[in-house]
Protein backbone atom coordinates (compact mmCIF):
# COMPACT_ATOMS: atom_id res chain seq x y z
CA MET A 1 0.00 0.00 0.00
CA VAL A 2 1.20 3.52 -0.66
CA PHE A 3 -0.84 5.96 1.40
CA VAL A 4 1.06 5.86 4.68
CA TYR A 5 4.37 5.77 2.84
CA LEU A 6 3.56 8.88 0.83
CA PHE A 7 2.24 10.90 3.70
CA PHE A 8 4.93 9.91 6.14
CA ILE A 9 8.06 11.02 4.28
CA PRO A 10 8.42 14.47 5.86
CA ILE A 11 7.38 13.60 9.40
CA VAL A 12 10.74 12.95 11.07
CA GLY A 13 14.38 13.77 10.49
CA MET A 14 14.00 17.55 10.52
CA ALA A 15 17.76 18.09 10.79
CA GLN A 16 18.62 21.76 10.78
CA LEU A 17 22.36 21.46 10.20
CA GLN A 18 23.68 20.81 6.71
CA GLU A 19 26.20 18.19 5.69
CA LYS A 20 28.91 20.80 5.11
CA GLU A 21 28.58 21.84 8.75
CA LEU A 22 28.32 18.37 10.30
CA LEU A 23 31.19 16.55 8.54
CA PRO A 24 33.90 19.05 9.63
CA ARG A 25 32.49 18.87 13.14
CA ILE A 26 32.93 15.10 13.27
CA GLN A 27 36.45 15.34 11.83
CA SER A 28 37.46 17.92 14.45
CA CYS A 29 35.87 16.08 17.39
CA LYS A 30 38.33 15.16 20.13
CA THR A 31 35.93 13.04 22.22
CA LYS A 32 33.76 10.01 21.43
CA GLU A 33 30.74 11.87 22.77
CA CYS A 34 31.23 14.64 20.20
CA LYS A 35 31.65 12.13 17.34
CA LEU A 36 28.63 10.08 18.38
CA ILE A 37 26.25 13.02 18.72
CA ASN A 38 27.24 14.62 15.41
CA ALA A 39 27.22 11.27 13.57
CA PHE A 40 23.63 10.69 14.69
CA LYS A 41 22.64 14.19 13.54
CA LEU A 42 24.29 13.48 10.19
CA ALA A 43 22.34 10.20 9.84
CA GLU A 44 19.07 12.11 10.37
CA HIS A 45 20.24 14.77 7.89
CA TYR A 46 20.77 12.14 5.16
CA LEU A 47 17.34 10.70 5.99
CA GLU A 48 15.82 14.13 5.38
CA THR A 49 17.63 14.50 2.05
CA ASP A 50 16.48 10.99 0.98
CA GLU A 51 20.07 9.63 0.92
CA ILE A 52 19.14 6.47 2.78
CA PRO A 53 22.38 4.44 2.27
CA LEU A 54 24.46 7.29 3.74
CA ALA A 55 22.01 7.58 6.62
CA GLN A 56 22.45 3.84 7.30
CA LYS A 57 26.25 4.14 7.09
CA TRP A 58 26.37 6.83 9.80
CA LEU A 59 23.81 5.02 11.92
CA ASP A 60 26.04 1.92 11.82
CA SER A 61 28.93 4.06 13.09
CA CYS A 62 26.68 5.28 15.89
CA LYS A 63 25.87 1.68 16.86
CA ILE A 64 29.56 0.75 17.14
CA TRP A 65 30.54 3.85 19.12
CA SER A 66 27.43 3.65 21.27
CA PHE A 67 28.15 0.04 22.26
CA GLU A 68 31.39 1.19 23.90
CA ASN A 69 29.73 4.30 25.40
CA PRO A 70 26.02 3.44 25.93
CA GLU A 71 25.45 6.34 28.33
CA ILE A 72 26.05 9.03 25.65
CA LEU A 73 23.20 8.28 23.24
CA ASN A 74 19.75 7.07 24.23
CA GLN A 75 19.47 3.55 22.74
CA SER A 76 15.79 3.98 21.85
CA ASP A 77 16.84 6.73 19.40
CA ILE A 78 18.96 4.17 17.52
CA PHE A 79 16.12 1.62 17.36
CA SER A 80 13.69 4.32 16.14
CA LEU A 81 15.96 5.59 13.36
CA GLN A 82 16.83 2.06 12.23
CA SER A 83 13.15 1.10 12.07
CA GLU A 84 12.42 4.16 9.92
CA LEU A 85 15.34 3.42 7.58
CA PHE A 86 14.13 -0.15 7.09
CA TYR A 87 10.69 1.28 6.26
CA TYR A 88 12.11 3.38 3.43
CA PHE A 89 14.11 0.42 2.12
CA GLY A 90 10.91 -1.62 1.98
CA LEU A 91 12.27 -4.06 4.59
CA PHE A 92 9.09 -3.86 6.64
CA GLN A 93 9.65 -7.05 8.67
CA PHE A 94 13.08 -5.78 9.72
CA GLY A 95 11.53 -2.41 10.58
CA THR A 96 8.91 -4.09 12.75
CA THR A 97 11.55 -6.14 14.59
CA GLU A 98 13.72 -3.07 15.30
CA ALA A 99 10.68 -1.18 16.62
CA GLU A 100 9.79 -4.09 18.94
CA LYS A 101 13.35 -4.23 20.33
CA GLY A 102 13.20 -0.49 20.92
CA ILE A 103 9.82 -0.77 22.68
CA ASP A 104 11.21 -3.38 25.09
CA PHE A 105 14.14 -1.09 25.91
CA ALA A 106 11.99 2.05 26.30
CA MET A 107 9.51 0.16 28.52
CA LYS A 108 12.32 -0.70 30.95
CA GLU A 109 13.40 2.95 30.96
CA LYS A 110 9.76 4.12 31.37
CA ASP A 111 10.36 6.55 28.49
CA SER A 112 6.83 7.26 27.21
CA ALA A 113 7.95 9.56 24.36
CA SER A 114 10.19 6.84 22.91
CA ILE A 115 7.50 4.17 23.42
CA ALA A 116 4.98 6.22 21.40
CA ASP A 117 7.55 6.93 18.67
CA LEU A 118 8.52 3.25 18.31
CA TYR A 119 4.89 2.03 18.32
CA PHE A 120 4.25 4.46 15.46
CA PHE A 121 7.05 2.94 13.34
CA LYS A 122 5.84 -0.54 14.18
CA GLY A 123 2.35 0.47 13.03
CA ILE A 124 3.38 1.88 9.63
CA ASN A 125 5.67 -1.10 8.90
CA LEU A 126 2.83 -3.50 9.72
CA PHE A 127 0.48 -1.45 7.50
CA GLU A 128 2.75 -1.97 4.50
CA MET A 129 2.72 -5.71 5.27
CA ARG A 130 -1.14 -5.51 5.07
CA ASN A 131 -1.44 -6.59 8.71
CA TYR A 132 -4.10 -3.96 9.39
CA VAL A 133 -5.31 -5.29 12.75
CA ALA A 134 -1.79 -5.31 14.31
CA SER A 135 -1.05 -1.97 12.63
CA GLY A 136 -4.13 -0.42 14.23
CA LYS A 137 -3.16 -1.73 17.68
CA ALA A 138 0.35 -0.32 17.34
CA LEU A 139 -0.90 3.11 16.23
CA LYS A 140 -3.42 3.17 19.10
CA ASN A 141 -0.58 2.40 21.51
CA ALA A 142 1.36 5.29 19.97
CA GLU A 143 -1.63 7.51 20.75
CA LYS A 144 -1.85 6.07 24.28
CA PHE A 145 1.80 6.62 25.21
CA TYR A 146 2.27 9.95 23.45
CA SER A 147 3.42 12.74 25.75
CA SER A 148 4.29 16.32 24.85
CA GLU A 149 6.77 16.35 27.76
CA ILE A 150 10.02 14.54 26.88
CA LYS A 151 11.58 13.71 30.27
CA THR A 152 14.68 11.91 28.94
CA GLU A 153 17.34 13.58 26.80
CA HIS A 154 17.06 12.61 23.12
CA LEU A 155 18.66 13.52 19.80
CA ARG A 156 15.80 12.01 17.80
CA THR A 157 13.02 14.18 16.38
CA PHE A 158 9.86 12.46 17.65
CA ILE A 159 6.51 12.04 15.90
CA LYS A 160 3.64 14.36 16.83
CA PRO A 161 -0.04 13.60 17.50
CA GLU A 162 -1.17 14.82 14.06
CA HIS A 163 1.09 12.18 12.47
CA ILE A 164 -0.50 9.45 14.59
CA TYR A 165 -4.05 10.62 13.83
CA ASN A 166 -3.39 11.06 10.11
CA ASN A 167 -2.05 7.51 9.79
CA LEU A 168 -4.93 6.13 11.85
CA GLY A 169 -7.21 7.92 9.38
CA GLN A 170 -5.33 6.34 6.44
CA LEU A 171 -5.72 2.92 8.06
CA LYS A 172 -9.47 3.38 8.52
CA LEU A 173 -9.67 4.69 4.94
CA GLN A 174 -8.02 1.49 3.69
CA LEU A 175 -10.61 -0.53 5.66
CA LYS A 176 -13.38 1.69 4.19
CA ASP A 177 -14.44 2.74 7.68
CA TRP A 178 -15.30 6.25 6.47
CA ASP A 179 -16.62 7.69 9.74
CA SER A 180 -13.57 6.61 11.76
CA ALA A 181 -11.28 7.80 8.99
CA TYR A 182 -12.98 11.21 9.06
CA TYR A 183 -12.78 11.34 12.91
CA TYR A 184 -9.02 10.76 13.07
CA ASN A 185 -8.26 12.95 10.07
CA GLU A 186 -10.29 15.79 11.59
CA LYS A 187 -8.22 15.56 14.80
CA ALA A 188 -4.99 15.65 12.78
CA TYR A 189 -6.30 18.60 10.72
CA ARG A 190 -7.12 20.69 13.81
CA ILE A 191 -3.61 20.22 15.21
CA ALA A 192 -2.04 20.95 11.80
CA LYS A 193 -3.90 24.27 11.69
CA ILE A 194 -2.61 25.23 15.14
CA GLU A 195 0.94 24.17 14.26
CA LYS A 196 0.64 25.83 10.80
CA SER A 197 2.21 22.75 9.24
CA GLY A 198 1.83 23.11 5.44
CA ARG A 199 2.60 19.48 4.64
CA ALA A 200 0.26 18.16 7.33
CA LEU A 201 -2.51 20.49 6.16
CA ALA A 202 -2.12 19.34 2.53
CA ASN A 203 -2.08 15.66 3.62
CA CYS A 204 -5.22 16.02 5.75
CA GLU A 205 -7.11 17.90 3.01
CA GLN A 206 -6.15 15.19 0.56
CA THR A 207 -7.38 12.53 3.01
CA PHE A 208 -10.71 14.35 3.33
CA GLY A 209 -10.97 14.20 -0.48
CA LEU A 210 -10.31 10.44 -0.51
CA ILE A 211 -12.97 9.91 2.18
CA LYS A 212 -15.52 11.88 0.17
CA LEU A 213 -14.52 10.03 -3.00
CA GLY A 214 -14.94 6.70 -1.21
CA LYS A 215 -18.43 7.77 -0.15
CA GLN A 216 -19.22 8.80 -3.78
CA GLN A 217 -19.50 12.47 -2.78
CA LYS A 218 -17.54 13.65 -5.82
CA ASP A 219 -18.21 17.38 -5.57
CA SER A 220 -16.90 17.46 -2.01
CA ALA A 221 -13.96 15.27 -3.04
CA VAL A 222 -13.05 17.68 -5.87
CA PHE A 223 -13.24 20.61 -3.41
CA TYR A 224 -10.78 18.99 -0.98
CA PHE A 225 -8.38 17.81 -3.71
CA HIS A 226 -8.21 21.35 -5.14
CA LYS A 227 -7.72 22.77 -1.65
CA SER A 228 -4.96 20.25 -0.91
CA LYS A 229 -3.27 21.10 -4.22
CA GLN A 230 -3.35 24.84 -3.46
CA THR A 231 -1.91 24.29 0.04
CA ALA A 232 0.82 21.99 -1.33
CA LEU A 233 1.86 24.47 -4.03
CA ALA A 234 1.88 27.32 -1.50
CA PHE A 235 4.40 25.40 0.60
CA ASN A 236 6.32 23.93 -2.42
CA TYR A 237 5.22 20.33 -1.81
CA TYR A 238 5.02 19.36 -5.50
CA ASP A 239 4.75 15.63 -4.82
CA ILE A 240 1.41 16.08 -2.98
CA ALA A 241 0.18 18.46 -5.69
CA THR A 242 1.04 15.86 -8.37
CA VAL A 243 -0.80 13.04 -6.60
CA ASN A 244 -3.82 15.34 -6.15
CA GLU A 245 -4.04 15.66 -9.96
CA GLY A 246 -4.31 11.86 -10.15
CA PHE A 247 -7.12 11.85 -7.56
CA LEU A 248 -8.90 14.63 -9.45
CA MET A 249 -8.75 12.47 -12.59
CA LYS A 250 -10.56 9.72 -10.69
CA ALA A 251 -13.14 12.18 -9.33
CA PHE A 252 -13.99 13.36 -12.89
CA ILE A 253 -14.66 9.92 -14.39
CA PRO A 254 -16.26 9.62 -17.00
CA GLN A 255 -15.57 13.20 -18.19
CA LYS A 256 -12.65 12.55 -20.56
CA ASP A 257 -11.82 16.20 -21.17
CA SER A 258 -11.55 16.96 -17.44
CA VAL A 259 -9.54 13.75 -16.91
CA LEU A 260 -7.06 14.68 -19.67
CA ASN A 261 -6.82 18.24 -18.34
CA HIS A 262 -5.76 17.05 -14.90
CA PHE A 263 -3.41 14.50 -16.42
CA ARG A 264 -1.65 17.30 -18.35
CA ASN A 265 -1.46 19.36 -15.13
CA GLY A 266 0.27 16.41 -13.42
CA GLU A 267 2.73 16.04 -16.31
CA ILE A 268 3.57 19.77 -16.15
CA LEU A 269 4.35 19.47 -12.43
CA ILE A 270 6.59 16.43 -13.05
CA GLU A 271 8.41 18.16 -15.93
CA ASN A 272 9.01 21.47 -14.13
CA TYR A 273 9.44 20.61 -10.46
CA PRO A 274 11.34 18.00 -8.38
CA VAL A 275 8.90 15.15 -7.75
CA ASN A 276 10.00 11.95 -6.04
CA THR A 277 10.14 8.87 -8.33
CA LEU A 278 7.71 6.96 -6.14
CA PHE A 279 5.16 9.77 -6.44
CA LYS A 280 5.64 9.81 -10.22
CA ARG A 281 4.98 6.09 -10.38
CA TYR A 282 1.86 6.43 -8.22
CA PHE A 283 0.50 9.27 -10.40
CA PHE A 284 1.11 7.36 -13.65
CA LYS A 285 -0.38 4.12 -12.24
CA GLU A 286 -3.47 6.00 -11.08
CA ALA A 287 -3.76 7.68 -14.50
CA ALA A 288 -3.28 4.38 -16.38
CA SER A 289 -6.06 2.68 -14.39
CA ILE A 290 -8.39 5.61 -15.16
CA PHE A 291 -7.53 5.58 -18.92
CA GLU A 292 -8.21 1.87 -18.94
CA VAL A 293 -11.65 2.41 -17.39
CA LEU A 294 -12.38 5.10 -20.01
CA GLU A 295 -11.12 2.75 -22.77
CA MET A 296 -8.43 5.25 -23.84
CA GLU A 297 -6.13 2.55 -25.21
CA LYS A 298 -3.47 4.78 -26.74
CA GLN A 299 -2.92 6.75 -23.54
CA THR A 300 -3.02 3.57 -21.45
CA ILE A 301 -0.26 1.88 -23.49
CA ALA A 302 1.92 5.00 -23.39
CA LEU A 303 1.59 5.24 -19.60
CA GLN A 304 2.27 1.54 -19.10
CA LYS A 305 5.59 1.97 -20.91
CA LYS A 306 6.48 4.90 -18.66
CA ILE A 307 5.48 2.91 -15.58
CA LEU A 308 7.63 -0.04 -16.70
CA GLN A 309 10.63 2.24 -17.20
CA ILE A 310 10.13 3.81 -13.77
CA GLU A 311 9.63 0.44 -12.08
CA ASP A 312 12.73 -1.01 -13.76
CA SER A 313 14.71 1.96 -12.51
CA ILE A 314 13.20 1.69 -9.04
CA ARG A 315 13.73 -2.08 -8.99
CA PHE A 316 17.36 -1.76 -10.02
CA GLN A 317 18.07 1.00 -7.52
CA GLY A 318 15.98 -0.72 -4.85
CA ASN A 319 17.72 -4.07 -5.28
CA SER A 320 21.09 -2.37 -5.15
CA LEU A 321 20.11 -0.34 -2.10
CA VAL A 322 18.58 -3.33 -0.33
CA GLN A 323 21.71 -5.40 -1.00
CA ASN A 324 23.94 -2.59 0.25
CA ILE A 325 21.87 -1.93 3.35
CA SER A 326 21.58 -5.63 4.10
CA GLN A 327 25.34 -6.03 3.74
CA GLN A 328 25.98 -2.99 5.93
CA TYR A 329 23.50 -4.23 8.50
CA LEU A 330 25.00 -7.73 8.59
CA GLU A 331 28.55 -6.37 8.87
CA ASN A 332 27.44 -4.04 11.62
CA GLU A 333 25.70 -6.85 13.49
CA LYS A 334 28.81 -9.00 13.12
CA GLU A 335 31.00 -6.23 14.52
CA LEU A 336 28.57 -5.72 17.38
CA PHE A 337 28.66 -9.46 18.05
CA ASN A 338 32.48 -9.38 18.17
CA LEU A 339 32.37 -6.44 20.56
CA GLN A 340 29.88 -8.28 22.78
CA ARG A 341 32.06 -11.37 22.71
CA ASN A 342 35.13 -9.35 23.67
CA GLU A 343 33.13 -7.70 26.43
CA PHE A 344 32.05 -11.14 27.64
CA GLU A 345 35.68 -12.30 27.68
CA LYS A 346 36.64 -9.23 29.70
CA GLN A 347 33.81 -9.87 32.13
CA LYS A 348 34.89 -13.50 32.42
CA LYS A 349 38.42 -12.42 33.29
CA VAL A 350 37.10 -9.88 35.76
CA SER A 351 34.84 -12.53 37.30
CA LEU A 352 37.78 -14.91 37.62
CA LEU A 353 39.82 -12.17 39.28
CA GLN A 354 36.92 -11.39 41.61
CA ILE A 355 36.56 -15.07 42.56
CA THR A 356 40.32 -15.33 43.20
CA THR A 357 40.23 -12.14 45.28
CA LEU A 358 37.22 -13.43 47.22
CA LEU A 359 38.98 -16.74 47.92
CA LEU A 360 42.10 -14.89 49.04
CA ILE A 361 40.07 -12.63 51.33
CA THR A 362 38.26 -15.68 52.72
CA PHE A 363 41.60 -17.37 53.37
CA LEU A 364 42.96 -14.26 55.11
CA LEU A 365 39.80 -14.02 57.23
CA ILE A 366 40.18 -17.65 58.27
CA VAL A 367 43.84 -17.03 59.18
CA MET A 368 42.85 -13.91 61.14
CA VAL A 369 40.14 -15.84 63.00
CA LEU A 370 42.60 -18.60 63.86
CA LEU A 371 45.17 -16.05 65.03
CA PHE A 372 42.51 -14.24 67.04
CA ARG A 373 41.43 -17.47 68.68
CA ARG A 374 45.03 -18.33 69.42
CA LYS A 375 45.58 -14.88 70.91
CA ASN A 376 42.45 -15.34 73.01
CA LYS A 377 43.77 -18.66 74.26
CA VAL A 378 47.10 -17.03 75.17
CA GLN A 379 45.29 -14.18 76.91
CA LYS A 380 43.08 -16.62 78.80
CA ARG A 381 46.18 -18.56 79.81
CA LEU A 382 47.87 -15.36 80.99
CA LEU A 383 44.72 -14.37 82.86
CA GLN A 384 44.68 -17.75 84.56
CA GLN A 385 48.32 -17.32 85.47
CA LYS A 386 47.61 -13.82 86.85
CA THR A 387 44.74 -15.22 88.88
CA GLU A 388 46.92 -18.06 90.17
CA ILE A 389 49.70 -15.61 91.08
CA SER A 390 47.14 -13.38 92.81
CA ASN A 391 45.74 -16.30 94.76
CA ASP A 392 49.20 -17.60 95.67
CA LEU A 393 50.28 -14.16 96.86
CA HIS A 394 47.14 -13.84 98.96
CA ASP A 395 47.16 -17.35 100.37
CA ASP A 396 50.88 -17.98 100.82
CA ILE A 397 52.80 -14.74 101.16
CA GLY A 398 49.82 -12.92 102.67
CA SER A 399 49.38 -15.51 105.42
CA ASN A 400 53.11 -15.53 106.21
CA LEU A 401 53.18 -11.75 106.32
CA THR A 402 50.21 -11.74 108.69
CA SER A 403 52.11 -14.16 110.92
CA ILE A 404 55.11 -11.84 110.97
CA LEU A 405 52.92 -8.88 111.94
CA ILE A 406 51.29 -10.82 114.78
CA HIS A 407 54.65 -11.93 116.18
CA ALA A 408 56.05 -8.41 115.87
CA GLN A 409 53.06 -6.97 117.78
CA MET A 410 53.41 -9.68 120.47
CA LEU A 411 57.12 -8.92 120.81
CA GLU A 412 56.39 -5.22 121.05
CA ALA A 413 53.86 -5.86 123.86
CA GLN A 414 56.41 -7.62 126.14
CA GLU A 415 57.52 -5.48 129.13
CA ASN A 416 61.00 -6.88 129.66
CA LEU A 417 62.31 -5.55 126.32
CA SER A 418 64.86 -2.81 126.12
CA VAL A 419 64.11 0.49 124.37
CA GLU A 420 66.12 -0.53 121.32
CA GLN A 421 64.33 -3.86 121.07
CA LYS A 422 60.92 -2.14 121.27
CA LYS A 423 61.97 0.25 118.47
CA THR A 424 63.04 -2.70 116.33
CA ALA A 425 59.76 -4.53 116.98
CA SER A 426 57.77 -1.36 116.09
CA LYS A 427 59.74 -0.91 112.88
CA ILE A 428 59.10 -4.53 111.89
CA SER A 429 55.38 -4.05 112.55
CA SER A 430 55.05 -0.82 110.53
CA THR A 431 57.15 -2.18 107.65
CA GLY A 432 55.09 -5.36 107.56
CA ALA A 433 51.88 -3.33 107.51
CA GLU A 434 53.18 -1.26 104.57
CA ILE A 435 54.24 -4.37 102.69
CA GLY A 436 50.84 -5.93 103.39
CA GLN A 437 49.05 -2.89 102.03
CA ARG A 438 51.21 -2.86 98.86
CA LEU A 439 50.63 -6.59 98.43
CA ASN A 440 46.88 -6.05 98.79
CA THR A 441 46.98 -3.29 96.14
CA PHE A 442 49.01 -5.48 93.78
CA ILE A 443 46.54 -8.36 94.13
CA TRP A 444 43.63 -5.92 93.60
CA THR A 445 45.12 -4.60 90.35
CA LEU A 446 45.66 -8.12 89.00
CA ASN A 447 42.02 -9.07 89.46
CA GLU A 448 40.06 -8.14 86.27
CA ALA A 449 36.79 -8.37 88.18
CA HIS A 450 37.67 -4.94 89.62
CA ASP A 451 38.24 -3.32 86.18
CA ASN A 452 35.45 -0.75 86.61
CA LEU A 453 35.30 2.73 88.08
CA GLN A 454 32.88 1.80 90.86
CA ASP A 455 35.30 -0.72 92.40
CA PHE A 456 38.13 1.82 92.11
CA LEU A 457 36.11 4.50 93.96
CA GLU A 458 35.19 2.10 96.76
CA TYR A 459 38.81 0.98 97.12
CA VAL A 460 40.07 4.60 97.35
CA LYS A 461 37.36 5.54 99.85
CA HIS A 462 38.12 2.50 102.02
CA TYR A 463 41.85 3.17 101.94
CA ALA A 464 41.53 6.88 102.81
CA ALA A 465 39.12 6.21 105.68
CA LYS A 466 41.31 3.44 107.15
CA THR A 467 44.52 5.48 106.77
CA LEU A 468 43.13 8.59 108.48
CA GLU A 469 41.31 6.60 111.19
CA GLY A 470 42.50 7.81 114.61
CA MET A 471 44.48 10.66 113.03
CA PRO A 472 43.96 14.38 113.91
CA ILE A 473 42.79 15.00 110.31
CA LYS A 474 39.12 14.95 109.39
CA LEU A 475 38.31 13.27 106.01
CA GLU A 476 35.76 14.69 103.58
CA TYR A 477 35.11 12.30 100.66
CA LEU A 478 32.82 13.29 97.77
CA GLU A 479 32.10 11.59 94.42
CA ASN A 480 29.60 12.51 91.67
CA ILE A 481 29.69 9.89 88.90
CA LYS A 482 26.62 8.16 87.45
CA ASN A 483 26.74 4.54 86.27
CA ALA A 484 30.30 4.17 87.55
CA SER A 485 30.02 0.36 87.43
CA GLU A 486 29.59 0.52 83.62
CA ILE A 487 32.79 2.54 83.05
CA LYS A 488 35.81 0.34 82.34
CA ILE A 489 39.23 1.12 83.79
CA SER A 490 42.25 -1.17 83.42
CA GLY A 491 44.24 -2.68 86.29
CA GLN A 492 47.37 -0.73 85.30
CA MET A 493 45.47 2.58 85.37
CA ARG A 494 43.80 1.72 88.70
CA LYS A 495 47.20 0.97 90.23
CA ASN A 496 48.85 4.19 89.01
CA ILE A 497 45.99 6.48 90.07
CA PHE A 498 45.75 4.79 93.44
CA TYR A 499 49.48 5.26 94.12
CA CYS A 500 49.16 8.95 93.19
CA ILE A 501 46.28 9.37 95.68
CA LYS A 502 48.17 7.39 98.30
CA GLU A 503 51.26 9.63 97.91
CA LEU A 504 49.16 12.82 98.30
CA ILE A 505 47.41 11.43 101.46
CA ALA A 506 50.81 10.44 102.89
CA ASN A 507 52.22 13.95 102.24
CA ALA A 508 49.22 15.51 104.02
CA LEU A 509 49.81 13.28 107.05
CA LYS A 510 53.55 13.85 107.21
CA HIS A 511 54.08 17.48 106.24
CA SER A 512 50.89 19.59 106.08
CA GLU A 513 49.96 19.91 109.79
CA SER A 514 46.38 20.18 108.52
CA THR A 515 43.14 19.37 110.31
CA ASN A 516 40.98 18.71 107.22
CA LEU A 517 41.53 16.68 104.04
CA SER A 518 39.01 16.52 101.21
CA ILE A 519 38.90 14.11 98.26
CA LYS A 520 36.50 15.03 95.41
CA ILE A 521 36.15 12.72 92.39
CA SER A 522 34.03 13.59 89.30
CA LEU A 523 33.68 12.87 85.56
CA THR A 524 33.78 15.77 83.06
CA GLU A 525 31.56 16.01 79.94
CA LYS A 526 34.48 14.84 77.78
CA ARG A 527 34.90 11.70 79.94
CA PHE A 528 37.95 12.90 81.85
CA LEU A 529 38.33 11.56 85.41
CA GLN A 530 39.05 14.49 87.73
CA ILE A 531 40.41 13.92 91.28
CA LEU A 532 40.84 16.96 93.56
CA ILE A 533 42.70 16.50 96.89
CA GLN A 534 42.95 19.51 99.26
CA ASP A 535 44.10 20.15 102.80
CA ASN A 536 44.11 23.23 105.06
CA GLY A 537 47.71 22.86 106.17
CA LYS A 538 50.77 25.06 105.86
CA GLY A 539 51.21 24.32 102.14
CA PHE A 540 54.32 23.77 100.09
CA GLN A 541 57.34 25.89 100.97
CA LYS A 542 58.44 28.36 98.28
CA GLY A 543 61.70 27.61 96.48
CA LYS A 544 61.68 24.00 97.61
CA ARG A 545 62.31 21.46 94.87
CA LEU A 546 59.79 18.76 94.09
CA GLY A 547 60.40 15.51 95.91
CA ASN A 548 60.50 12.08 94.33
CA GLY A 549 56.90 11.42 95.37
CA LEU A 550 55.46 14.34 93.36
CA LEU A 551 57.76 13.60 90.40
CA ASN A 552 56.50 10.02 90.39
CA ILE A 553 52.90 11.31 90.35
CA GLU A 554 53.71 13.33 87.19
CA LYS A 555 55.24 10.26 85.50
CA ARG A 556 52.27 8.05 86.38
CA MET A 557 49.83 10.62 84.95
CA GLN A 558 51.85 11.05 81.75
CA ALA A 559 51.79 7.27 81.24
CA HIS A 560 48.02 7.56 80.76
CA LYS A 561 48.07 10.90 78.86
CA GLY A 562 46.87 12.68 81.98
CA THR A 563 48.01 15.80 83.86
CA PHE A 564 49.01 16.63 87.44
CA THR A 565 48.71 20.22 88.73
CA TYR A 566 48.90 21.70 92.23
CA THR A 567 48.71 24.99 94.12
CA SER A 568 50.02 25.90 97.59
CA GLU A 569 47.87 28.85 98.72
CA LYS A 570 45.84 28.41 101.91
CA GLY A 571 46.92 24.82 102.11
CA PHE A 572 47.92 22.32 99.43
CA SER A 573 45.59 21.52 96.49
CA ALA A 574 46.37 18.87 93.86
CA THR A 575 44.36 17.96 90.72
CA LEU A 576 44.68 14.71 88.76
CA LEU A 577 43.03 14.75 85.31
CA LEU A 578 43.14 11.84 82.84
CA PRO A 579 40.98 10.49 79.98
CA LEU A 580 39.03 7.25 80.36
């Protein structure tokens, strides 16, 4: 069938740039994106100028470049242009297949503009294959998915609603459903008037004429054919004007003079203006059928010869073009297949590398787990040894030390001892008590059950109260820490802080001559443990160097990234500050 083919030629491919502008652009492109975009524009330009083989050549280049860089050009644009090119080559089955592949792709992308465009090409290819039912469904889907808002970036010039409606009208015309044909053509005509599209207006007016002719309303048909011819000539569409002369010949049967007049008008247009070969053939075939009906044998034979010459030319060119396009298409598909195969090989290598890497990582994780378990076993063994040492010190050395203290106290209580002997017994007792306290602290630091702040605070409080018991110094102990039992503190840190506090309490007892000693422990917002120890004694003498005890406090604080500061005004005040 010829109607859709004739009316569709100008619909897409409205490239604005000329070949002389596009080719230098491609040659000067430094990026693949630049080449791909301009090559696609050039393919549409050659489609517009009816140079279909060149259009296919540049589209093939686009396919190759786009395979390596799929993000640059929307793939539905390639499917759409290829489907249209197959339509013009007369390869309607190929055109249908390309449109269907494009529809599948556009559906996944939810690109309604592309879906409508591709359904349109599927519909006109099916129409030429005389599959009118499937063609109608495809064109209705084009109408359904059409959207004036194109959300995705495209280089393709998409079909418009008037194109869909005009071809639906042509389909209904072919099925002799005159009312439906008029309905769709009227919708297309209204839009064409708004858009001021000369070609669309001429097409729709011509379709109105065919509808009226089909309904045997010849006067109305003649009116629309004349109107279509005038519109076509006004916009320089000589092919439509020529075909209108053929339709006017049919409308004037059996008036031979009028028929011959319109035939001569058609010949004048063909002789003086550029008219596409396919339109010439259609005009001459229409004229020949009319001459045959009017039994004008001489004119019929002359036209049949012209038609044969045109068809031979078309057949030769068509066969050549079809062979070339088929060869180009097959070569392009082969190259695409090779690219896909190479890509698959790359992916296989990458997958193998990924599997090897995964196995290596798994092996390393297993080794790390084994090492971690081994380290845990060693730590557990060390903890057991620490616990055993702690228990041995408490049970063995502790009991022996207690025995020494008892004997020293008993010796000190005897009345028949000399002064020197009593001094010796007292010294043994005090030294034993100090060693016992140190031993108790050492055992306490080894026990991980006490590795929390709450146990540390209780130990300090107990020690301070016991040490100052019976002494002329009153103890004030304050602490303000919430959830102290949940705050972890290592045995090493507990030991060092405790010895610092012990040294400061001992200094207050020995040197301060104070009557009050306060210990205040708190936790700052930045989780720093702050310990403030103050007395109301005589303070630290000016100019006196720090003793070993205070120097040791500084070293113990530095070991845990803490600080030790003190002042000696109105008594002695020391601050220990360290992070937990």
